[in-house]
Amino acid sequence: MQLYGIDAAATRAINDLAGTAAAADFLCIWISAIGIQLLVVAVAAQWWYGSARKHNRHVLVAAGLSFLLGLAINQIILVFVHRIRPYDAGITRLLIERSADPSFPSDHATAAFAIAATFLLCGMRTRGLWFLGAAVLIAFSRVYLGIHYVGDILGGVLMGGLAAMLVRTFYREGTRVDRVITGIF
């Protein structure tokens, strides 16, 4: 079976769960609609939290930068890749409103996994695993609802991870820029 066939079959298998349980449908719609906003609030709310305040703030800024860089990378990819949505290809049933932009890569997955990867790369394992769990739920909801292929999600995971690694490489803790930013408030 070719790669597209595997992607379509995996996508269909997850989307076939939709409509079988009203509670699951409601939960996935809710997670898809406000999951990213909740992650952003969860990151921002930590600004004044913790005994290692400077390191904590560095990680929060890095998470924000990774989030933004991941989405910027996606915009560049969208110039070259115009993958149609799985509902337009007849692969899935859509449970939410249609999206106007191409399917690959998933912005939701990119943003959520950029945050999780940043926390994990910066040594904040417990928080990173919580964010990773939330990212998995958000990504799953996007396929469940019929808005993305599994491959779109995997592309988003890669872009989020790449963004986090680039930020980790170029935004160094303890530099003058970092001290100015993390010293705010």
C-alpha atoms as a PDB file:
ATOM      1  CA  MET A   1       0.000   0.000   0.000  1.00  0.00           C
ATOM      2  CA  GLN A   2       1.385   3.384  -0.921  1.00  0.00           C
ATOM      3  CA  LEU A   3       2.029   6.099   1.667  1.00  0.00           C
ATOM      4  CA  TYR A   4      -1.092   8.100   0.769  1.00  0.00           C
ATOM      5  CA  GLY A   5      -3.194   4.955   1.124  1.00  0.00           C
ATOM      6  CA  ILE A   6      -1.825   4.315   4.605  1.00  0.00           C
ATOM      7  CA  ASP A   7      -2.410   7.956   5.565  1.00  0.00           C
ATOM      8  CA  ALA A   8      -5.977   7.894   4.227  1.00  0.00           C
ATOM      9  CA  ALA A   9      -6.742   4.561   5.929  1.00  0.00           C
ATOM     10  CA  ALA A  10      -5.415   5.742   9.310  1.00  0.00           C
ATOM     11  CA  THR A  11      -7.325   9.008   8.959  1.00  0.00           C
ATOM     12  CA  ARG A  12     -10.545   7.201   8.035  1.00  0.00           C
ATOM     13  CA  ALA A  13     -10.143   4.760  10.948  1.00  0.00           C
ATOM     14  CA  ILE A  14      -9.909   7.598  13.476  1.00  0.00           C
ATOM     15  CA  ASN A  15     -12.652   9.677  11.850  1.00  0.00           C
ATOM     16  CA  ASP A  16     -14.958   6.633  11.772  1.00  0.00           C
ATOM     17  CA  LEU A  17     -15.104   6.920  15.579  1.00  0.00           C
ATOM     18  CA  ALA A  18     -16.841  10.286  15.188  1.00  0.00           C
ATOM     19  CA  GLY A  19     -20.590  10.240  15.568  1.00  0.00           C
ATOM     20  CA  THR A  20     -20.631   7.067  17.665  1.00  0.00           C
ATOM     21  CA  ALA A  21     -20.655   8.832  21.070  1.00  0.00           C
ATOM     22  CA  ALA A  22     -22.091  12.294  21.623  1.00  0.00           C
ATOM     23  CA  ALA A  23     -19.818  12.904  24.619  1.00  0.00           C
ATOM     24  CA  ALA A  24     -16.680  12.103  22.603  1.00  0.00           C
ATOM     25  CA  ASP A  25     -17.870  14.322  19.753  1.00  0.00           C
ATOM     26  CA  PHE A  26     -18.513  17.195  22.167  1.00  0.00           C
ATOM     27  CA  LEU A  27     -15.128  16.733  23.866  1.00  0.00           C
ATOM     28  CA  CYS A  28     -13.211  16.660  20.571  1.00  0.00           C
ATOM     29  CA  ILE A  29     -15.047  19.724  19.263  1.00  0.00           C
ATOM     30  CA  TRP A  30     -14.292  21.556  22.514  1.00  0.00           C
ATOM     31  CA  ILE A  31     -10.614  20.505  22.548  1.00  0.00           C
ATOM     32  CA  SER A  32     -10.187  21.497  18.906  1.00  0.00           C
ATOM     33  CA  ALA A  33     -11.886  24.862  19.434  1.00  0.00           C
ATOM     34  CA  ILE A  34     -10.081  26.067  22.563  1.00  0.00           C
ATOM     35  CA  GLY A  35      -7.176  23.677  23.176  1.00  0.00           C
ATOM     36  CA  ILE A  36      -4.495  25.959  21.751  1.00  0.00           C
ATOM     37  CA  GLN A  37      -5.835  28.982  23.632  1.00  0.00           C
ATOM     38  CA  LEU A  38      -5.772  26.986  26.877  1.00  0.00           C
ATOM     39  CA  LEU A  39      -2.166  25.944  26.223  1.00  0.00           C
ATOM     40  CA  VAL A  40      -1.146  29.559  25.645  1.00  0.00           C
ATOM     41  CA  VAL A  41      -2.859  30.620  28.890  1.00  0.00           C
ATOM     42  CA  ALA A  42      -1.208  27.709  30.741  1.00  0.00           C
ATOM     43  CA  VAL A  43       2.207  28.832  29.488  1.00  0.00           C
ATOM     44  CA  ALA A  44       1.658  32.539  30.192  1.00  0.00           C
ATOM     45  CA  ALA A  45       0.231  31.887  33.674  1.00  0.00           C
ATOM     46  CA  GLN A  46       3.566  30.444  34.748  1.00  0.00           C
ATOM     47  CA  TRP A  47       5.417  33.777  34.396  1.00  0.00           C
ATOM     48  CA  TRP A  48       5.341  34.417  38.151  1.00  0.00           C
ATOM     49  CA  TYR A  49       5.488  30.751  39.219  1.00  0.00           C
ATOM     50  CA  GLY A  50       8.368  28.707  40.570  1.00  0.00           C
ATOM     51  CA  SER A  51      11.499  29.071  42.607  1.00  0.00           C
ATOM     52  CA  ALA A  52      13.806  28.972  39.562  1.00  0.00           C
ATOM     53  CA  ARG A  53      12.120  32.066  38.150  1.00  0.00           C
ATOM     54  CA  LYS A  54      14.830  33.024  35.611  1.00  0.00           C
ATOM     55  CA  HIS A  55      15.001  29.539  34.096  1.00  0.00           C
ATOM     56  CA  ASN A  56      11.216  29.227  34.176  1.00  0.00           C
ATOM     57  CA  ARG A  57      10.801  32.534  32.358  1.00  0.00           C
ATOM     58  CA  HIS A  58      13.441  31.586  29.804  1.00  0.00           C
ATOM     59  CA  VAL A  59      11.480  28.405  29.003  1.00  0.00           C
ATOM     60  CA  LEU A  60       8.222  30.363  28.720  1.00  0.00           C
ATOM     61  CA  VAL A  61       9.745  32.838  26.277  1.00  0.00           C
ATOM     62  CA  ALA A  62      11.333  29.977  24.334  1.00  0.00           C
ATOM     63  CA  ALA A  63       7.939  28.233  24.174  1.00  0.00           C
ATOM     64  CA  GLY A  64       6.351  31.393  22.776  1.00  0.00           C
ATOM     65  CA  LEU A  65       9.109  31.788  20.212  1.00  0.00           C
ATOM     66  CA  SER A  66       8.843  28.122  19.202  1.00  0.00           C
ATOM     67  CA  PHE A  67       5.074  28.477  18.824  1.00  0.00           C
ATOM     68  CA  LEU A  68       5.476  31.515  16.546  1.00  0.00           C
ATOM     69  CA  LEU A  69       8.403  30.095  14.570  1.00  0.00           C
ATOM     70  CA  GLY A  70       6.538  26.825  13.963  1.00  0.00           C
ATOM     71  CA  LEU A  71       3.523  28.678  12.591  1.00  0.00           C
ATOM     72  CA  ALA A  72       5.792  30.869  10.431  1.00  0.00           C
ATOM     73  CA  ILE A  73       7.465  27.769   8.975  1.00  0.00           C
ATOM     74  CA  ASN A  74       4.008  26.385   8.204  1.00  0.00           C
ATOM     75  CA  GLN A  75       3.131  29.530   6.248  1.00  0.00           C
ATOM     76  CA  ILE A  76       6.228  29.026   4.085  1.00  0.00           C
ATOM     77  CA  ILE A  77       5.306  25.375   3.494  1.00  0.00           C
ATOM     78  CA  LEU A  78       1.772  26.375   2.480  1.00  0.00           C
ATOM     79  CA  VAL A  79       3.223  28.413  -0.389  1.00  0.00           C
ATOM     80  CA  PHE A  80       4.575  25.190  -1.903  1.00  0.00           C
ATOM     81  CA  VAL A  81       2.234  22.463  -0.645  1.00  0.00           C
ATOM     82  CA  HIS A  82      -1.497  22.671  -1.338  1.00  0.00           C
ATOM     83  CA  ARG A  83      -2.885  19.462   0.124  1.00  0.00           C
ATOM     84  CA  ILE A  84      -6.657  19.304   0.037  1.00  0.00           C
ATOM     85  CA  ARG A  85      -8.551  18.578   3.231  1.00  0.00           C
ATOM     86  CA  PRO A  86      -9.591  14.949   3.800  1.00  0.00           C
ATOM     87  CA  TYR A  87     -13.289  15.872   3.768  1.00  0.00           C
ATOM     88  CA  ASP A  88     -12.854  17.404   0.287  1.00  0.00           C
ATOM     89  CA  ALA A  89     -11.198  14.164  -0.849  1.00  0.00           C
ATOM     90  CA  GLY A  90     -14.105  12.091   0.478  1.00  0.00           C
ATOM     91  CA  ILE A  91     -11.962  10.465   3.174  1.00  0.00           C
ATOM     92  CA  THR A  92     -13.695  11.911   6.270  1.00  0.00           C
ATOM     93  CA  ARG A  93     -16.998  13.220   7.546  1.00  0.00           C
ATOM     94  CA  LEU A  94     -16.585  16.746   8.865  1.00  0.00           C
ATOM     95  CA  LEU A  95     -18.034  17.521  12.299  1.00  0.00           C
ATOM     96  CA  ILE A  96     -17.067  21.214  12.386  1.00  0.00           C
ATOM     97  CA  GLU A  97     -16.933  24.104   9.919  1.00  0.00           C
ATOM     98  CA  ARG A  98     -14.783  23.818   6.831  1.00  0.00           C
ATOM     99  CA  SER A  99     -11.333  25.378   6.789  1.00  0.00           C
ATOM    100  CA  ALA A 100     -10.262  27.742   4.028  1.00  0.00           C
ATOM    101  CA  ASP A 101      -6.541  26.909   4.010  1.00  0.00           C
ATOM    102  CA  PRO A 102      -4.688  23.791   2.819  1.00  0.00           C
ATOM    103  CA  SER A 103      -4.424  20.764   5.071  1.00  0.00           C
ATOM    104  CA  PHE A 104      -0.646  20.227   5.426  1.00  0.00           C
ATOM    105  CA  PRO A 105       0.840  20.754   7.961  1.00  0.00           C
ATOM    106  CA  SER A 106      -1.552  21.108  10.876  1.00  0.00           C
ATOM    107  CA  ASP A 107      -1.161  24.478  12.616  1.00  0.00           C
ATOM    108  CA  HIS A 108      -2.834  23.082  15.739  1.00  0.00           C
ATOM    109  CA  ALA A 109      -0.354  20.208  15.955  1.00  0.00           C
ATOM    110  CA  THR A 110       2.589  22.485  15.183  1.00  0.00           C
ATOM    111  CA  ALA A 111       1.682  24.970  17.908  1.00  0.00           C
ATOM    112  CA  ALA A 112       0.884  22.376  20.563  1.00  0.00           C
ATOM    113  CA  PHE A 113       3.943  20.213  19.920  1.00  0.00           C
ATOM    114  CA  ALA A 114       6.236  23.273  19.740  1.00  0.00           C
ATOM    115  CA  ILE A 115       5.213  24.139  23.294  1.00  0.00           C
ATOM    116  CA  ALA A 116       5.601  20.580  24.570  1.00  0.00           C
ATOM    117  CA  ALA A 117       8.960  20.094  22.848  1.00  0.00           C
ATOM    118  CA  THR A 118      10.300  23.338  24.288  1.00  0.00           C
ATOM    119  CA  PHE A 119       9.502  22.308  27.850  1.00  0.00           C
ATOM    120  CA  LEU A 120      11.026  18.860  27.293  1.00  0.00           C
ATOM    121  CA  LEU A 121      14.171  20.217  25.612  1.00  0.00           C
ATOM    122  CA  CYS A 122      14.664  22.735  28.424  1.00  0.00           C
ATOM    123  CA  GLY A 123      14.609  20.046  31.107  1.00  0.00           C
ATOM    124  CA  MET A 124      11.121  20.698  32.478  1.00  0.00           C
ATOM    125  CA  ARG A 125      10.064  17.071  32.113  1.00  0.00           C
ATOM    126  CA  THR A 126       6.889  16.975  34.221  1.00  0.00           C
ATOM    127  CA  ARG A 127       5.375  20.090  32.657  1.00  0.00           C
ATOM    128  CA  GLY A 128       6.608  18.990  29.249  1.00  0.00           C
ATOM    129  CA  LEU A 129       4.812  15.658  29.582  1.00  0.00           C
ATOM    130  CA  TRP A 130       1.594  17.436  30.591  1.00  0.00           C
ATOM    131  CA  PHE A 131       1.883  19.677  27.545  1.00  0.00           C
ATOM    132  CA  LEU A 132       2.707  16.635  25.406  1.00  0.00           C
ATOM    133  CA  GLY A 133      -0.466  14.906  26.613  1.00  0.00           C
ATOM    134  CA  ALA A 134      -2.499  17.999  25.764  1.00  0.00           C
ATOM    135  CA  ALA A 135      -0.824  18.188  22.334  1.00  0.00           C
ATOM    136  CA  VAL A 136      -1.734  14.571  21.596  1.00  0.00           C
ATOM    137  CA  LEU A 137      -5.376  15.250  22.538  1.00  0.00           C
ATOM    138  CA  ILE A 138      -5.508  18.347  20.327  1.00  0.00           C
ATOM    139  CA  ALA A 139      -3.914  16.505  17.404  1.00  0.00           C
ATOM    140  CA  PHE A 140      -6.220  13.504  17.803  1.00  0.00           C
ATOM    141  CA  SER A 141      -9.273  15.778  17.883  1.00  0.00           C
ATOM    142  CA  ARG A 142      -8.321  17.326  14.543  1.00  0.00           C
ATOM    143  CA  VAL A 143      -8.308  13.918  12.806  1.00  0.00           C
ATOM    144  CA  TYR A 144     -11.362  12.690  14.727  1.00  0.00           C
ATOM    145  CA  LEU A 145     -13.331  15.729  13.554  1.00  0.00           C
ATOM    146  CA  GLY A 146     -12.310  15.109   9.934  1.00  0.00           C
ATOM    147  CA  ILE A 147     -10.326  18.317   9.437  1.00  0.00           C
ATOM    148  CA  HIS A 148      -6.840  16.747   9.004  1.00  0.00           C
ATOM    149  CA  TYR A 149      -5.091  13.653   7.751  1.00  0.00           C
ATOM    150  CA  VAL A 150      -2.829  11.787  10.176  1.00  0.00           C
ATOM    151  CA  GLY A 151       0.051  12.861   7.901  1.00  0.00           C
ATOM    152  CA  ASP A 152      -0.859  16.516   8.442  1.00  0.00           C
ATOM    153  CA  ILE A 153      -0.545  15.921  12.177  1.00  0.00           C
ATOM    154  CA  LEU A 154       2.819  14.201  11.784  1.00  0.00           C
ATOM    155  CA  GLY A 155       3.991  17.155   9.681  1.00  0.00           C
ATOM    156  CA  GLY A 156       2.859  19.485  12.469  1.00  0.00           C
ATOM    157  CA  VAL A 157       4.699  17.396  15.064  1.00  0.00           C
ATOM    158  CA  LEU A 158       7.883  17.646  12.984  1.00  0.00           C
ATOM    159  CA  MET A 159       7.493  21.407  12.428  1.00  0.00           C
ATOM    160  CA  GLY A 160       6.802  22.021  16.125  1.00  0.00           C
ATOM    161  CA  GLY A 161       9.832  19.953  17.108  1.00  0.00           C
ATOM    162  CA  LEU A 162      12.021  21.658  14.521  1.00  0.00           C
ATOM    163  CA  ALA A 163      10.939  25.086  15.730  1.00  0.00           C
ATOM    164  CA  ALA A 164      11.675  24.147  19.354  1.00  0.00           C
ATOM    165  CA  MET A 165      15.137  22.850  18.416  1.00  0.00           C
ATOM    166  CA  LEU A 166      15.939  26.001  16.420  1.00  0.00           C
ATOM    167  CA  VAL A 167      14.839  28.248  19.278  1.00  0.00           C
ATOM    168  CA  ARG A 168      16.829  26.110  21.752  1.00  0.00           C
ATOM    169  CA  THR A 169      19.894  26.555  19.535  1.00  0.00           C
ATOM    170  CA  PHE A 170      19.630  30.300  18.946  1.00  0.00           C
ATOM    171  CA  TYR A 171      17.857  31.687  22.024  1.00  0.00           C
ATOM    172  CA  ARG A 172      20.326  30.909  24.779  1.00  0.00           C
ATOM    173  CA  GLU A 173      19.607  31.167  28.462  1.00  0.00           C
ATOM    174  CA  GLY A 174      21.529  33.848  30.353  1.00  0.00           C
ATOM    175  CA  THR A 175      22.377  36.013  27.349  1.00  0.00           C
ATOM    176  CA  ARG A 176      21.833  39.762  27.517  1.00  0.00           C
ATOM    177  CA  VAL A 177      18.657  39.499  25.438  1.00  0.00           C
ATOM    178  CA  ASP A 178      17.358  36.698  27.650  1.00  0.00           C
ATOM    179  CA  ARG A 179      18.079  38.666  30.848  1.00  0.00           C
ATOM    180  CA  VAL A 180      16.210  41.713  29.513  1.00  0.00           C
ATOM    181  CA  ILE A 181      13.177  39.694  28.404  1.00  0.00           C
ATOM    182  CA  THR A 182      12.977  37.508  31.503  1.00  0.00           C
ATOM    183  CA  GLY A 183      13.483  40.518  33.773  1.00  0.00           C
ATOM    184  CA  ILE A 184      10.211  42.119  32.704  1.00  0.00           C
ATOM    185  CA  PHE A 185       7.800  42.420  35.645  1.00  0.00           C
END
